[in-house]
Amino acid sequence: MKRVYPLIVEKMINRVFKFGGASVKDAEGVRNVLRVLKHQGTKDVCVVVSAMGKTTNAMETVVSSYYLAKKNQPEAVLEVVKEALRPIQHYHEGIIQDLFGAQSAFVKAKVDLLFEEMHGFLTWNKSLNHSFIYDQIVGYGELLSTTIVSAYLEAQGTANRFLDIRQFIKTDGVYRDASVQWEQTVERIQKLNNQGELLVTQGFLGSDANNFTTTLGREGSDYTAAILAYALDAKSVSIWKDVAGVLNADPRAFEGPVQLHQVSYTEAIELAFYGASVIHPKTLQPLQRKGIPLYVRSFIDLENPGTCVTAGSPLVPEVPCYIVKKNQVLLELATQDFSFMAEHHLSSVFELFAKYRLKVDLIQNSAISFRVCLDNRFDQFEALVAALEKDYLIKYRKGVSLYTIRHFDEKAYEALPKEAEIVLEQRTDQTLQLVASFKG
């Protein structure tokens, strides 16, 4: 990150609040956002909002359906687009009707315009770059949610200013996982000239040099909040969730999770790196650079202070932390002549990992073999295998789970499912990692 010297502006945002999809999944959730804001105060606050509920998943289905039709049935593209967008439009219209009742026409017109923009792009687009199409369409989920939330707050007497975050966060042109152009972004954000008002904007989005929409990676709304806080020297960032705070384990995968009251920046970065889903991996670096505390709080229990991520003790309380990443691929490579896996082998292999956008979550090597656990989130593993097989002997297992236990103790294995077959184990003084396979 380049060092950027701040500009002088009339007013700074003191707090950045981020509301995820679960917090605005329906009309009651939007009403609860107003409840949170009234409880916390709205002066000098910037609100970052994700797409509503499972809208991002639904938008991904739109992109996939469109992409297949574009390649295989171009004459059917228009009908495919209409059919794919229809349930998403009905979903948002239902929320609008619930929130605004007889006064819904004005907001519905704004939302209809966004759907017309999507339909127009999908009708006239000539590109077959899946990632480019993805970013131009999926990002509308955030534009829809913020349009509705901003209008509802205004209708309830809470004045606010709607911002299109794409005008402020500038990125490179790597679609679906864009990198922030920090100098341009900070300069643009610091020119907001905020007058103490409440700001409402989107998470997840940015724009490239040609002003095409880019996205910051799944769950990137947390990162957006951190970018804004960094650029505006905010006093804090609060992520409002349906959990009490950061837990030492995902309650969907482990029994009896414990709430963490404080987590250091360093420890939180470690947890995020290994896949903890509460905090986005990129979120913490800009906050740590300026010592901006991050709070993870419940949007249900507003009296619970949640978890504070800041400098200090690694964990309070000091307990093991459990993380699981499912649907991983365990890949094993060996040279075809069984010679040593030397530095030039490893260098070429990692270049291919980068080329095909496979994230490496665990590495283990011996003299003649090399094993890695990979996250195949962009479905490029088959292409990777084709590139590797001319030089290496290859074995792999799909559908494995990677368990990471920070600050593990002798009872660590007891937390794993009884049916798990451990196929790889690796440990350091602080971290135990286990790759597990499940029969059937």
Protein backbone atom coordinates (compact mmCIF):
# COMPACT_ATOMS: atom_id res chain seq x y z
CA MET A 1 0.00 0.00 0.00
CA LYS A 2 1.46 3.35 -1.02
CA ARG A 3 1.81 6.04 1.58
CA VAL A 4 -0.80 8.72 0.94
CA TYR A 5 -0.79 12.15 2.56
CA PRO A 6 -4.28 13.27 3.59
CA LEU A 7 -6.06 16.28 2.19
CA ILE A 8 -7.77 18.79 4.45
CA VAL A 9 -11.55 18.40 4.37
CA GLU A 10 -14.25 20.19 6.31
CA LYS A 11 -15.62 17.17 8.10
CA MET A 12 -14.59 13.57 8.70
CA ILE A 13 -16.71 10.47 9.15
CA ASN A 14 -16.29 9.27 12.72
CA ARG A 15 -17.82 5.81 12.32
CA VAL A 16 -18.36 3.36 9.50
CA PHE A 17 -21.16 0.79 9.86
CA LYS A 18 -21.46 -2.25 7.63
CA PHE A 19 -24.68 -4.24 7.27
CA GLY A 20 -24.46 -7.60 5.53
CA GLY A 21 -27.03 -9.44 3.46
CA ALA A 22 -28.57 -11.21 6.45
CA SER A 23 -29.31 -7.88 8.12
CA VAL A 24 -31.34 -6.60 5.14
CA LYS A 25 -32.82 -9.86 3.85
CA ASP A 26 -36.41 -8.62 4.23
CA ALA A 27 -38.46 -5.56 5.15
CA GLU A 28 -38.12 -6.26 8.86
CA GLY A 29 -34.35 -6.31 8.46
CA VAL A 30 -34.39 -2.89 6.78
CA ARG A 31 -36.54 -1.55 9.61
CA ASN A 32 -34.00 -2.95 12.04
CA VAL A 33 -31.20 -1.02 10.31
CA LEU A 34 -33.08 2.15 11.22
CA ARG A 35 -33.46 0.83 14.79
CA VAL A 36 -29.69 0.30 15.02
CA LEU A 37 -28.96 3.75 13.64
CA LYS A 38 -31.35 5.44 16.06
CA HIS A 39 -29.74 3.56 18.93
CA GLN A 40 -26.19 4.41 17.85
CA GLY A 41 -26.76 7.88 16.41
CA THR A 42 -26.47 8.94 12.77
CA LYS A 43 -24.17 11.97 12.91
CA ASP A 44 -20.93 11.52 10.93
CA VAL A 45 -21.78 7.90 10.08
CA CYS A 46 -21.21 6.12 6.78
CA VAL A 47 -23.38 3.04 6.24
CA VAL A 48 -22.11 0.32 3.91
CA VAL A 49 -24.78 -2.16 2.78
CA SER A 50 -24.45 -5.55 1.07
CA ALA A 51 -26.91 -7.13 -1.34
CA MET A 52 -30.15 -8.29 0.28
CA GLY A 53 -30.31 -11.87 1.54
CA LYS A 54 -29.13 -14.34 -1.08
CA THR A 55 -29.29 -11.85 -3.96
CA THR A 56 -25.60 -12.31 -4.83
CA ASN A 57 -26.18 -16.04 -5.32
CA ALA A 58 -29.23 -15.29 -7.46
CA MET A 59 -27.23 -12.81 -9.56
CA GLU A 60 -24.55 -15.44 -10.06
CA THR A 61 -27.25 -17.74 -11.45
CA VAL A 62 -28.27 -14.98 -13.86
CA VAL A 63 -24.70 -14.68 -15.09
CA SER A 64 -24.25 -18.44 -15.49
CA SER A 65 -27.56 -18.83 -17.36
CA TYR A 66 -26.77 -15.90 -19.62
CA TYR A 67 -23.24 -17.11 -20.32
CA LEU A 68 -24.41 -20.58 -21.35
CA ALA A 69 -27.17 -19.17 -23.55
CA LYS A 70 -24.77 -16.69 -25.16
CA LYS A 71 -22.47 -19.54 -26.19
CA ASN A 72 -24.98 -22.27 -27.02
CA GLN A 73 -28.36 -20.63 -27.72
CA PRO A 74 -27.77 -16.99 -28.71
CA GLU A 75 -31.28 -16.72 -30.13
CA ALA A 76 -32.69 -17.49 -26.65
CA VAL A 77 -30.63 -14.96 -24.67
CA LEU A 78 -33.44 -12.43 -24.23
CA GLU A 79 -35.85 -14.99 -22.85
CA VAL A 80 -33.19 -16.49 -20.59
CA VAL A 81 -32.35 -13.05 -19.19
CA LYS A 82 -35.99 -12.21 -18.49
CA GLU A 83 -36.62 -15.55 -16.80
CA ALA A 84 -33.48 -15.31 -14.65
CA LEU A 85 -34.11 -11.73 -13.50
CA ARG A 86 -37.83 -12.16 -12.79
CA PRO A 87 -37.59 -13.77 -9.31
CA ILE A 88 -34.96 -11.25 -8.21
CA GLN A 89 -37.19 -8.38 -9.27
CA HIS A 90 -40.22 -9.88 -7.52
CA TYR A 91 -38.18 -10.37 -4.34
CA HIS A 92 -37.14 -6.72 -4.18
CA GLU A 93 -40.60 -5.49 -5.15
CA GLY A 94 -42.05 -7.47 -2.26
CA ILE A 95 -39.70 -5.76 0.19
CA ILE A 96 -40.56 -2.35 -1.30
CA GLN A 97 -44.27 -2.98 -0.98
CA ASP A 98 -43.88 -4.07 2.64
CA LEU A 99 -41.79 -1.01 3.52
CA PHE A 100 -43.60 1.73 1.61
CA GLY A 101 -47.12 0.44 1.00
CA ALA A 102 -49.15 2.92 -1.04
CA GLN A 103 -46.10 5.20 -1.32
CA SER A 104 -43.96 2.56 -3.08
CA ALA A 105 -44.26 3.81 -6.68
CA PHE A 106 -41.34 6.25 -6.47
CA VAL A 107 -38.92 3.66 -5.06
CA LYS A 108 -40.18 0.95 -7.40
CA ALA A 109 -39.44 3.25 -10.35
CA LYS A 110 -35.83 3.61 -9.21
CA VAL A 111 -35.47 -0.15 -8.82
CA ASP A 112 -37.11 -0.79 -12.19
CA LEU A 113 -34.51 1.47 -13.78
CA LEU A 114 -31.71 -0.66 -12.33
CA PHE A 115 -33.29 -3.81 -13.76
CA GLU A 116 -33.60 -2.07 -17.14
CA GLU A 117 -29.86 -1.29 -16.98
CA MET A 118 -29.07 -4.95 -16.27
CA HIS A 119 -31.34 -6.13 -19.05
CA GLY A 120 -29.79 -3.63 -21.43
CA PHE A 121 -26.25 -4.72 -20.68
CA LEU A 122 -27.08 -8.41 -21.09
CA THR A 123 -28.89 -7.69 -24.35
CA TRP A 124 -26.13 -5.67 -26.03
CA ASN A 125 -22.99 -7.11 -24.43
CA LYS A 126 -20.53 -8.66 -26.90
CA SER A 127 -17.94 -9.92 -24.43
CA LEU A 128 -17.62 -13.59 -23.48
CA ASN A 129 -15.29 -12.81 -20.57
CA HIS A 130 -17.20 -14.50 -17.74
CA SER A 131 -15.50 -12.51 -14.98
CA PHE A 132 -16.22 -9.20 -16.73
CA ILE A 133 -19.89 -10.11 -17.19
CA TYR A 134 -20.02 -11.24 -13.56
CA ASP A 135 -18.88 -7.89 -12.20
CA GLN A 136 -21.21 -5.84 -14.42
CA ILE A 137 -24.25 -7.80 -13.23
CA VAL A 138 -23.64 -9.16 -9.73
CA GLY A 139 -22.83 -5.72 -8.36
CA TYR A 140 -26.41 -4.60 -9.01
CA GLY A 141 -27.37 -6.49 -5.85
CA GLU A 142 -25.69 -3.78 -3.78
CA LEU A 143 -27.14 -0.98 -5.90
CA LEU A 144 -30.64 -2.38 -5.36
CA SER A 145 -30.24 -2.77 -1.60
CA THR A 146 -28.79 0.69 -1.01
CA THR A 147 -31.45 2.32 -3.18
CA ILE A 148 -34.16 0.75 -1.02
CA VAL A 149 -32.43 1.33 2.33
CA SER A 150 -31.62 4.97 1.57
CA ALA A 151 -35.19 5.65 0.43
CA TYR A 152 -36.66 3.97 3.51
CA LEU A 153 -34.47 5.95 5.91
CA GLU A 154 -35.48 9.17 4.13
CA ALA A 155 -39.17 8.22 4.26
CA GLN A 156 -38.85 7.65 8.02
CA GLY A 157 -37.34 11.07 8.60
CA THR A 158 -33.68 10.06 8.71
CA ALA A 159 -31.99 12.27 6.13
CA ASN A 160 -29.11 10.67 4.28
CA ARG A 161 -26.93 11.05 1.24
CA PHE A 162 -26.77 8.19 -1.28
CA LEU A 163 -23.31 7.52 -2.72
CA ASP A 164 -22.34 5.35 -5.67
CA ILE A 165 -19.15 3.83 -4.26
CA ARG A 166 -17.89 3.08 -7.76
CA GLN A 167 -17.12 6.78 -8.16
CA PHE A 168 -14.76 6.64 -5.18
CA ILE A 169 -13.07 3.22 -5.01
CA LYS A 170 -10.80 2.81 -8.03
CA THR A 171 -9.27 -0.56 -8.83
CA ASP A 172 -7.28 -2.42 -11.42
CA GLY A 173 -9.07 -4.42 -14.10
CA VAL A 174 -8.92 -7.86 -12.47
CA TYR A 175 -12.60 -8.66 -12.49
CA ARG A 176 -14.09 -10.62 -9.54
CA ASP A 177 -11.01 -9.96 -7.37
CA ALA A 178 -9.89 -6.41 -8.05
CA SER A 179 -7.06 -4.68 -6.22
CA VAL A 180 -7.59 -1.16 -4.90
CA GLN A 181 -5.68 1.70 -6.45
CA TRP A 182 -5.04 3.33 -3.12
CA GLU A 183 -3.75 6.76 -4.10
CA GLN A 184 -6.66 7.50 -6.43
CA THR A 185 -9.18 6.01 -4.01
CA VAL A 186 -8.04 7.95 -0.96
CA GLU A 187 -7.93 11.21 -2.90
CA ARG A 188 -11.49 10.71 -4.18
CA ILE A 189 -12.92 9.70 -0.80
CA GLN A 190 -11.30 12.61 1.00
CA LYS A 191 -13.02 15.01 -1.38
CA LEU A 192 -16.46 13.92 -0.16
CA ASN A 193 -16.79 17.19 1.79
CA ASN A 194 -19.21 15.60 4.24
CA GLN A 195 -21.18 17.99 6.46
CA GLY A 196 -21.98 15.65 9.32
CA GLU A 197 -24.73 13.88 7.37
CA LEU A 198 -25.49 10.16 7.22
CA LEU A 199 -24.00 8.51 4.12
CA VAL A 200 -25.38 5.32 2.55
CA THR A 201 -23.30 3.39 0.04
CA GLN A 202 -22.54 -0.04 -1.36
CA GLY A 203 -20.02 -2.62 -0.29
CA PHE A 204 -18.12 -4.98 -2.59
CA LEU A 205 -17.87 -2.61 -5.58
CA GLY A 206 -15.33 -0.42 -7.31
CA SER A 207 -14.54 0.66 -10.85
CA ASP A 208 -11.56 0.36 -13.17
CA ALA A 209 -9.83 2.97 -15.31
CA ASN A 210 -12.56 2.65 -17.95
CA ASN A 211 -15.30 3.03 -15.29
CA PHE A 212 -16.49 -0.55 -15.68
CA THR A 213 -17.73 -2.05 -12.43
CA THR A 214 -15.29 -4.27 -10.55
CA THR A 215 -15.80 -6.36 -7.41
CA LEU A 216 -13.45 -6.84 -4.47
CA GLY A 217 -14.07 -10.57 -3.96
CA ARG A 218 -16.89 -12.36 -2.16
CA GLU A 219 -17.68 -10.85 1.26
CA GLY A 220 -15.86 -7.71 0.09
CA SER A 221 -18.28 -5.32 1.81
CA ASP A 222 -16.26 -5.56 5.02
CA TYR A 223 -13.25 -4.49 2.98
CA THR A 224 -15.18 -1.52 1.58
CA ALA A 225 -15.91 -0.36 5.13
CA ALA A 226 -12.21 -0.60 5.99
CA ILE A 227 -11.20 1.33 2.86
CA LEU A 228 -13.58 4.16 3.75
CA ALA A 229 -12.42 4.20 7.37
CA TYR A 230 -8.77 4.33 6.32
CA ALA A 231 -9.29 7.14 3.83
CA LEU A 232 -11.41 9.21 6.24
CA ASP A 233 -9.42 8.53 9.44
CA ALA A 234 -12.57 7.19 11.05
CA LYS A 235 -12.61 6.40 14.75
CA SER A 236 -14.09 2.92 14.32
CA VAL A 237 -15.69 0.36 12.01
CA SER A 238 -18.66 -1.72 13.17
CA ILE A 239 -19.79 -4.83 11.31
CA TRP A 240 -23.38 -5.67 12.26
CA LYS A 241 -24.19 -9.38 12.08
CA ASP A 242 -26.67 -11.99 13.28
CA VAL A 243 -24.11 -13.31 15.80
CA ALA A 244 -23.00 -11.81 19.11
CA GLY A 245 -19.47 -11.19 17.86
CA VAL A 246 -16.47 -13.19 16.69
CA LEU A 247 -16.80 -16.77 17.90
CA ASN A 248 -13.99 -19.26 18.32
CA ALA A 249 -15.82 -21.64 15.96
CA ASP A 250 -18.62 -21.64 13.40
CA PRO A 251 -21.72 -22.87 15.28
CA ARG A 252 -22.90 -24.60 12.10
CA ALA A 253 -19.85 -26.87 12.18
CA PHE A 254 -18.80 -27.07 15.85
CA GLU A 255 -20.66 -27.43 19.14
CA GLY A 256 -20.50 -24.93 21.99
CA PRO A 257 -18.69 -21.97 20.40
CA VAL A 258 -17.35 -19.24 22.71
CA GLN A 259 -17.56 -15.51 22.03
CA LEU A 260 -14.22 -13.73 21.83
CA HIS A 261 -14.31 -10.33 23.55
CA GLN A 262 -11.05 -9.06 22.08
CA VAL A 263 -8.84 -10.18 19.23
CA SER A 264 -5.58 -8.52 18.23
CA TYR A 265 -5.09 -7.32 14.65
CA THR A 266 -2.37 -9.93 14.16
CA GLU A 267 -4.48 -12.78 15.45
CA ALA A 268 -7.51 -11.65 13.43
CA ILE A 269 -5.37 -11.54 10.28
CA GLU A 270 -4.20 -15.09 11.02
CA LEU A 271 -7.78 -16.28 11.52
CA ALA A 272 -8.91 -14.53 8.33
CA PHE A 273 -6.01 -15.99 6.37
CA TYR A 274 -7.00 -19.48 7.39
CA GLY A 275 -10.60 -18.87 6.36
CA ALA A 276 -12.57 -17.54 9.35
CA SER A 277 -15.74 -16.21 7.73
CA VAL A 278 -16.60 -13.45 10.22
CA ILE A 279 -13.94 -11.03 8.96
CA HIS A 280 -12.84 -10.62 5.34
CA PRO A 281 -9.12 -11.39 4.84
CA LYS A 282 -8.37 -7.97 3.30
CA THR A 283 -10.30 -5.93 5.84
CA LEU A 284 -7.78 -5.76 8.63
CA GLN A 285 -4.61 -4.41 6.99
CA PRO A 286 -5.82 -0.84 6.36
CA LEU A 287 -7.37 -0.68 9.83
CA GLN A 288 -4.19 -1.89 11.51
CA ARG A 289 -2.11 0.70 9.65
CA LYS A 290 -4.05 3.52 11.32
CA GLY A 291 -4.99 1.75 14.56
CA ILE A 292 -8.71 1.93 13.80
CA PRO A 293 -10.63 -0.53 15.99
CA LEU A 294 -13.06 -2.96 14.37
CA TYR A 295 -16.19 -4.04 16.25
CA VAL A 296 -18.21 -7.12 15.30
CA ARG A 297 -21.63 -6.69 16.86
CA SER A 298 -25.12 -8.17 16.90
CA PHE A 299 -27.84 -6.23 15.10
CA ILE A 300 -30.31 -8.00 17.39
CA ASP A 301 -28.80 -7.43 20.85
CA LEU A 302 -27.68 -3.81 20.72
CA GLU A 303 -26.50 -3.82 24.34
CA ASN A 304 -23.90 -6.53 23.66
CA PRO A 305 -20.56 -4.79 22.97
CA GLY A 306 -19.54 -7.66 20.69
CA THR A 307 -15.92 -8.30 19.77
CA CYS A 308 -13.26 -5.61 19.45
CA VAL A 309 -10.37 -6.17 17.06
CA THR A 310 -7.51 -3.88 18.03
CA ALA A 311 -3.92 -3.90 19.25
CA GLY A 312 -3.16 -5.85 22.41
CA SER A 313 -3.66 -9.40 23.68
CA PRO A 314 -4.06 -12.01 20.92
CA LEU A 315 -7.30 -13.43 22.36
CA VAL A 316 -9.61 -12.68 25.26
CA PRO A 317 -10.49 -15.27 26.46
CA GLU A 318 -7.58 -17.51 25.49
CA VAL A 319 -9.26 -20.52 23.84
CA PRO A 320 -8.58 -22.64 20.73
CA CYS A 321 -10.12 -21.29 17.52
CA TYR A 322 -11.55 -23.69 14.95
CA ILE A 323 -11.91 -22.99 11.23
CA VAL A 324 -13.15 -25.31 8.49
CA LYS A 325 -12.96 -24.81 4.72
CA LYS A 326 -15.00 -27.34 2.76
CA ASN A 327 -14.87 -28.46 -0.88
CA GLN A 328 -11.10 -28.15 -1.13
CA VAL A 329 -8.80 -30.10 -3.46
CA LEU A 330 -5.77 -31.99 -2.14
CA LEU A 331 -3.16 -32.10 -4.91
CA GLU A 332 0.04 -34.19 -4.86
CA LEU A 333 2.81 -33.72 -7.41
CA ALA A 334 6.01 -35.64 -8.10
CA THR A 335 8.54 -35.32 -10.90
CA GLN A 336 8.16 -37.95 -13.59
CA ASP A 337 11.74 -39.20 -13.08
CA PHE A 338 11.37 -39.09 -9.26
CA SER A 339 14.12 -36.49 -8.94
CA PHE A 340 14.02 -33.93 -6.15
CA MET A 341 11.30 -31.26 -6.15
CA ALA A 342 13.76 -28.40 -6.51
CA GLU A 343 13.24 -24.65 -6.36
CA HIS A 344 12.66 -24.28 -10.11
CA HIS A 345 9.89 -26.90 -9.94
CA LEU A 346 8.15 -25.07 -7.11
CA SER A 347 8.51 -21.73 -8.85
CA SER A 348 6.84 -22.97 -12.03
CA VAL A 349 4.06 -24.69 -10.07
CA PHE A 350 3.22 -21.54 -8.11
CA GLU A 351 3.17 -19.52 -11.32
CA LEU A 352 0.47 -21.90 -12.57
CA PHE A 353 -1.47 -21.57 -9.32
CA ALA A 354 -1.48 -17.80 -9.85
CA LYS A 355 -2.37 -18.11 -13.54
CA TYR A 356 -5.39 -20.31 -12.83
CA ARG A 357 -6.35 -18.39 -9.66
CA LEU A 358 -6.20 -21.29 -7.23
CA LYS A 359 -5.65 -20.20 -3.63
CA VAL A 360 -3.12 -22.26 -1.68
CA ASP A 361 -4.33 -22.96 1.86
CA LEU A 362 -1.73 -25.54 2.97
CA ILE A 363 1.68 -26.67 1.70
CA GLN A 364 3.61 -29.82 2.58
CA ASN A 365 6.63 -31.09 0.68
CA SER A 366 9.22 -33.85 0.88
CA ALA A 367 12.29 -34.59 -1.22
CA ILE A 368 10.34 -36.02 -4.17
CA SER A 369 6.74 -34.91 -3.66
CA PHE A 370 4.76 -31.77 -3.04
CA ARG A 371 1.24 -31.60 -1.59
CA VAL A 372 -1.05 -28.61 -1.41
CA CYS A 373 -4.63 -27.99 -0.37
CA LEU A 374 -6.28 -25.69 -2.89
CA ASP A 375 -9.40 -23.53 -2.95
CA ASN A 376 -10.88 -23.97 -6.43
CA ARG A 377 -13.29 -21.04 -6.16
CA PHE A 378 -12.91 -20.05 -9.83
CA ASP A 379 -13.34 -23.63 -11.15
CA GLN A 380 -9.96 -23.65 -12.86
CA PHE A 381 -8.58 -26.86 -11.36
CA GLU A 382 -9.07 -28.98 -14.50
CA ALA A 383 -7.14 -26.42 -16.54
CA LEU A 384 -4.37 -26.51 -13.93
CA VAL A 385 -4.15 -30.31 -14.13
CA ALA A 386 -3.86 -30.14 -17.93
CA ALA A 387 -0.98 -27.67 -17.60
CA LEU A 388 0.82 -29.77 -14.96
CA GLU A 389 0.45 -33.31 -16.27
CA LYS A 390 3.08 -33.05 -19.00
CA ASP A 391 5.79 -32.45 -16.38
CA TYR A 392 4.52 -34.12 -13.20
CA LEU A 393 2.90 -37.24 -11.84
CA ILE A 394 -0.39 -36.09 -10.37
CA LYS A 395 -2.75 -37.41 -7.70
CA TYR A 396 -5.64 -35.46 -6.25
CA ARG A 397 -8.72 -35.70 -4.06
CA LYS A 398 -11.66 -33.41 -4.51
CA GLY A 399 -14.20 -32.52 -1.84
CA VAL A 400 -11.85 -32.65 1.14
CA SER A 401 -12.20 -30.34 4.15
CA LEU A 402 -9.37 -28.34 5.68
CA TYR A 403 -9.57 -27.89 9.45
CA THR A 404 -7.35 -25.25 11.04
CA ILE A 405 -7.06 -24.99 14.83
CA ARG A 406 -5.27 -21.95 16.23
CA HIS A 407 -3.89 -22.29 19.78
CA PHE A 408 -4.71 -26.00 19.71
CA ASP A 409 -4.56 -28.24 22.76
CA GLU A 410 -4.69 -31.98 23.42
CA LYS A 411 -8.48 -31.97 22.95
CA ALA A 412 -8.32 -30.48 19.46
CA TYR A 413 -9.13 -33.71 17.66
CA GLU A 414 -12.31 -34.17 19.70
CA ALA A 415 -13.92 -31.26 17.87
CA LEU A 416 -13.65 -32.99 14.48
CA PRO A 417 -16.53 -35.05 13.06
CA LYS A 418 -16.19 -38.69 14.05
CA GLU A 419 -16.50 -39.85 10.44
CA ALA A 420 -13.55 -37.72 9.27
CA GLU A 421 -10.56 -39.59 7.82
CA ILE A 422 -7.39 -37.51 8.35
CA VAL A 423 -5.31 -37.72 5.18
CA LEU A 424 -2.78 -34.99 5.96
CA GLU A 425 -1.62 -33.28 9.15
CA GLN A 426 0.67 -30.33 9.69
CA ARG A 427 1.43 -28.31 12.81
CA THR A 428 3.45 -25.39 14.10
CA ASP A 429 3.71 -24.19 17.68
CA GLN A 430 0.43 -22.23 17.31
CA THR A 431 -1.49 -23.87 14.48
CA LEU A 432 -2.69 -27.38 13.68
CA GLN A 433 -4.01 -28.09 10.18
CA LEU A 434 -5.78 -31.29 9.18
CA VAL A 435 -7.08 -32.32 5.76
CA ALA A 436 -10.07 -34.64 6.18
CA SER A 437 -11.87 -36.85 3.70
CA PHE A 438 -15.40 -38.13 4.22
CA LYS A 439 -16.75 -41.37 2.76
CA GLY A 440 -19.84 -41.11 0.65
